[in-house]
Amino acid sequence: MAEAAFAFKPTLQGERTLLRPFQSQDIEAMGPILADPEVLHLTGSVHASAELVGRPTALDAKTRHWYRTRADQPDRMDLAVVDPGTGECVGEIVLNNWEPGNQTCSLRILLGPRGRGRGLGTEAIRLLLDYAFAQTDLFRIELEVYSFNTRALRVYERVGFIPEGRRRAAHVFDGVRFDAITMSVLLPDWMEGTAPADPLP
């Protein structure tokens, strides 16, 4: 069931957010988002402040091709996070690392400057959790977040993720070591507190 559900990429509509398979304009919008200093820092993509600046804002051919092929991947789900008011892609949300035998996968989300501070990320996560637990046989969805990303930690707890453990001193930034915190939400957790969202026809 999960394989078929992951092969199908839904469009999910919320009050503040639209999740959809990547379109050409969404792919181009990801260039500046991936080069954003806050995205680079919070995702652990760099290890020093000096690496946060001067990144090219245009995607290279390899990355552009990678995004163009996301809809063809049957074992993961990559969706653009879109502001429905402007039609602009402001980030991405992903289910990956799918383990069908264990009925588990990972979730990750990143938002550029225009997607932050407005509740778009919170709603995007809820929309995708609702879809995943209602439309697939997933039992567990997990993520990892660095301890310095306190805003994300609050959001993840708000939508139902429970801290489980730490990988101590897992990431270095500017010579300081930070823990990576593992969190998860289980199907019973979701059933107790969430109503499923339906994909758009």
Protein backbone atom coordinates (compact mmCIF):
# COMPACT_ATOMS: atom_id res chain seq x y z
CA MET A 1 0.00 0.00 0.00
CA ALA A 2 2.79 2.45 0.91
CA GLU A 3 4.63 1.85 -2.35
CA ALA A 4 1.60 2.81 -4.42
CA ALA A 5 0.89 5.78 -2.16
CA PHE A 6 4.48 7.03 -2.38
CA ALA A 7 4.47 6.65 -6.16
CA PHE A 8 1.45 8.94 -6.30
CA LYS A 9 2.36 12.54 -5.44
CA PRO A 10 -0.70 14.32 -4.01
CA THR A 11 -1.68 17.96 -3.98
CA LEU A 12 -2.75 18.96 -0.47
CA GLN A 13 -4.52 22.22 0.30
CA GLY A 14 -4.59 23.95 3.67
CA GLU A 15 -5.75 27.37 4.78
CA ARG A 16 -2.24 28.84 4.53
CA THR A 17 -0.30 26.32 2.51
CA LEU A 18 -0.47 24.31 -0.70
CA LEU A 19 1.66 21.20 -1.11
CA ARG A 20 2.15 19.96 -4.67
CA PRO A 21 4.55 17.97 -6.86
CA PHE A 22 7.37 20.19 -8.09
CA GLN A 23 6.56 22.30 -11.13
CA SER A 24 9.15 24.10 -13.25
CA GLN A 25 8.65 27.42 -11.45
CA ASP A 26 8.98 25.70 -8.08
CA ILE A 27 12.31 24.18 -9.08
CA GLU A 28 13.73 27.55 -10.08
CA ALA A 29 12.53 29.05 -6.79
CA MET A 30 14.53 26.46 -4.84
CA GLY A 31 17.86 27.99 -5.93
CA PRO A 32 17.72 31.05 -3.65
CA ILE A 33 16.06 28.99 -0.91
CA LEU A 34 18.88 26.43 -0.80
CA ALA A 35 21.44 29.27 -0.76
CA ASP A 36 19.72 31.07 2.13
CA PRO A 37 22.10 31.36 5.11
CA GLU A 38 19.48 30.29 7.64
CA VAL A 39 18.58 27.20 5.59
CA LEU A 40 22.27 26.30 5.28
CA HIS A 41 22.79 26.70 9.02
CA LEU A 42 19.66 24.97 10.32
CA THR A 43 20.01 21.97 8.02
CA GLY A 44 23.60 21.42 9.10
CA SER A 45 24.85 21.90 5.55
CA VAL A 46 27.82 24.03 6.65
CA HIS A 47 30.21 24.07 9.59
CA ALA A 48 31.31 27.70 9.80
CA SER A 49 29.75 31.14 9.51
CA ALA A 50 32.07 31.95 6.62
CA GLU A 51 30.35 29.24 4.56
CA LEU A 52 26.93 30.90 4.90
CA VAL A 53 27.55 33.65 2.37
CA GLY A 54 28.43 33.75 -1.31
CA ARG A 55 26.51 30.65 -2.36
CA PRO A 56 25.15 30.70 -5.94
CA THR A 57 21.40 31.26 -6.03
CA ALA A 58 20.90 29.45 -9.34
CA LEU A 59 20.64 25.67 -9.30
CA ASP A 60 23.28 23.73 -11.17
CA ALA A 61 22.21 21.27 -13.87
CA LYS A 62 22.56 18.24 -11.59
CA THR A 63 20.34 19.68 -8.85
CA ARG A 64 17.79 20.93 -11.36
CA HIS A 65 17.59 17.42 -12.86
CA TRP A 66 17.25 15.95 -9.38
CA TYR A 67 14.17 18.06 -8.70
CA ARG A 68 12.69 17.29 -12.12
CA THR A 69 12.84 13.55 -11.38
CA ARG A 70 11.25 13.65 -7.92
CA ALA A 71 7.80 12.79 -9.26
CA ASP A 72 9.23 9.57 -10.74
CA GLN A 73 10.53 8.19 -7.45
CA PRO A 74 8.25 5.46 -6.03
CA ASP A 75 9.98 5.21 -2.65
CA ARG A 76 9.82 8.84 -1.51
CA MET A 77 7.58 11.88 -1.64
CA ASP A 78 9.00 15.34 -2.41
CA LEU A 79 6.50 18.20 -2.47
CA ALA A 80 6.86 21.94 -2.97
CA VAL A 81 5.52 24.13 -0.16
CA VAL A 82 3.60 26.90 -1.90
CA ASP A 83 2.05 30.12 -0.61
CA PRO A 84 -1.44 29.88 -2.16
CA GLY A 85 -1.86 33.64 -1.99
CA THR A 86 1.03 34.27 -4.38
CA GLY A 87 1.55 30.87 -6.01
CA GLU A 88 5.20 31.09 -4.97
CA CYS A 89 7.22 28.09 -3.83
CA VAL A 90 8.68 28.91 -0.41
CA GLY A 91 10.27 25.57 0.44
CA GLU A 92 9.95 21.80 0.33
CA ILE A 93 8.70 18.96 2.49
CA VAL A 94 9.84 15.37 2.04
CA LEU A 95 9.10 11.84 3.18
CA ASN A 96 12.12 9.61 2.53
CA ASN A 97 14.23 6.81 3.99
CA TRP A 98 11.19 4.57 3.64
CA GLU A 99 11.51 1.13 5.25
CA PRO A 100 8.47 -0.85 4.06
CA GLY A 101 9.16 -3.83 6.31
CA ASN A 102 9.13 -1.60 9.37
CA GLN A 103 6.41 0.75 8.06
CA THR A 104 8.61 3.74 8.85
CA CYS A 105 10.03 6.74 7.03
CA SER A 106 11.69 10.07 7.73
CA LEU A 107 10.31 13.58 7.33
CA ARG A 108 12.22 16.75 6.59
CA ILE A 109 11.15 20.27 5.74
CA LEU A 110 12.96 23.46 4.82
CA LEU A 111 11.54 26.92 4.21
CA GLY A 112 13.13 29.98 2.68
CA PRO A 113 12.75 33.51 4.09
CA ARG A 114 9.30 34.08 2.55
CA GLY A 115 7.93 30.92 4.13
CA ARG A 116 9.01 31.53 7.70
CA GLY A 117 7.16 33.06 10.62
CA ARG A 118 3.64 32.67 9.19
CA GLY A 119 2.64 29.18 10.25
CA LEU A 120 3.19 27.68 6.80
CA GLY A 121 5.63 25.07 8.05
CA THR A 122 3.35 23.94 10.86
CA GLU A 123 0.43 23.50 8.50
CA ALA A 124 2.58 21.81 5.85
CA ILE A 125 3.74 19.18 8.33
CA ARG A 126 0.20 18.55 9.55
CA LEU A 127 -1.08 18.19 5.99
CA LEU A 128 1.58 15.65 5.08
CA LEU A 129 1.20 13.68 8.32
CA ASP A 130 -2.55 13.53 7.78
CA TYR A 131 -2.08 12.24 4.26
CA ALA A 132 0.66 9.77 5.14
CA PHE A 133 -1.15 8.13 8.03
CA ALA A 134 -4.54 8.10 6.28
CA GLN A 135 -3.42 6.97 2.83
CA THR A 136 -0.44 4.66 3.48
CA ASP A 137 0.40 1.87 5.90
CA LEU A 138 3.06 3.92 7.68
CA PHE A 139 3.17 3.39 11.43
CA ARG A 140 6.09 5.63 12.37
CA ILE A 141 7.43 8.89 10.93
CA GLU A 142 10.66 10.21 12.38
CA LEU A 143 12.95 13.18 12.00
CA GLU A 144 16.16 14.62 13.33
CA VAL A 145 16.74 18.23 14.33
CA TYR A 146 19.78 20.00 15.75
CA SER A 147 19.52 21.27 19.32
CA PHE A 148 20.16 24.89 18.30
CA ASN A 149 17.03 24.89 16.10
CA THR A 150 14.67 25.73 18.94
CA ARG A 151 11.94 27.12 16.66
CA ALA A 152 11.72 23.84 14.75
CA LEU A 153 11.70 21.84 17.99
CA ARG A 154 8.63 23.78 19.17
CA VAL A 155 6.86 23.28 15.84
CA TYR A 156 7.57 19.54 15.77
CA GLU A 157 6.27 19.09 19.30
CA ARG A 158 3.19 21.16 18.47
CA VAL A 159 2.24 18.86 15.59
CA GLY A 160 2.74 15.70 17.64
CA PHE A 161 6.37 14.63 17.38
CA ILE A 162 7.82 13.25 20.61
CA PRO A 163 11.54 13.53 21.47
CA GLU A 164 13.13 10.10 21.75
CA GLY A 165 16.86 10.53 22.05
CA ARG A 166 20.01 12.40 21.18
CA ARG A 167 23.07 11.86 19.08
CA ARG A 168 25.41 13.79 21.32
CA ALA A 169 27.88 16.25 19.80
CA ALA A 170 26.80 15.16 16.33
CA HIS A 171 27.29 18.47 14.52
CA VAL A 172 29.98 21.13 14.65
CA PHE A 173 29.34 24.79 13.82
CA ASP A 174 31.94 27.50 14.39
CA GLY A 175 33.90 25.11 16.58
CA VAL A 176 30.97 24.32 18.89
CA ARG A 177 29.40 20.87 19.05
CA PHE A 178 25.63 20.43 19.08
CA ASP A 179 23.38 17.44 19.68
CA ALA A 180 21.02 16.00 17.09
CA ILE A 181 17.61 15.23 18.57
CA THR A 182 15.54 12.32 17.27
CA MET A 183 11.75 12.72 17.32
CA SER A 184 8.88 10.59 16.04
CA VAL A 185 5.13 10.43 15.71
CA LEU A 186 3.29 7.10 15.59
CA LEU A 187 0.03 6.14 13.96
CA PRO A 188 -1.75 5.77 17.35
CA ASP A 189 -0.57 9.28 18.32
CA TRP A 190 -2.05 10.69 15.14
CA MET A 191 -5.31 8.74 15.51
CA GLU A 192 -5.82 10.15 18.99
CA GLY A 193 -5.40 13.78 18.05
CA THR A 194 -5.74 14.50 14.34
CA ALA A 195 -8.39 14.36 11.63
CA PRO A 196 -7.16 13.28 8.19
CA ALA A 197 -6.82 15.77 5.33
CA ASP A 198 -8.06 14.81 1.88
CA PRO A 199 -5.95 15.39 -1.25
CA LEU A 200 -7.34 17.66 -3.91
CA PRO A 201 -9.08 15.82 -6.78
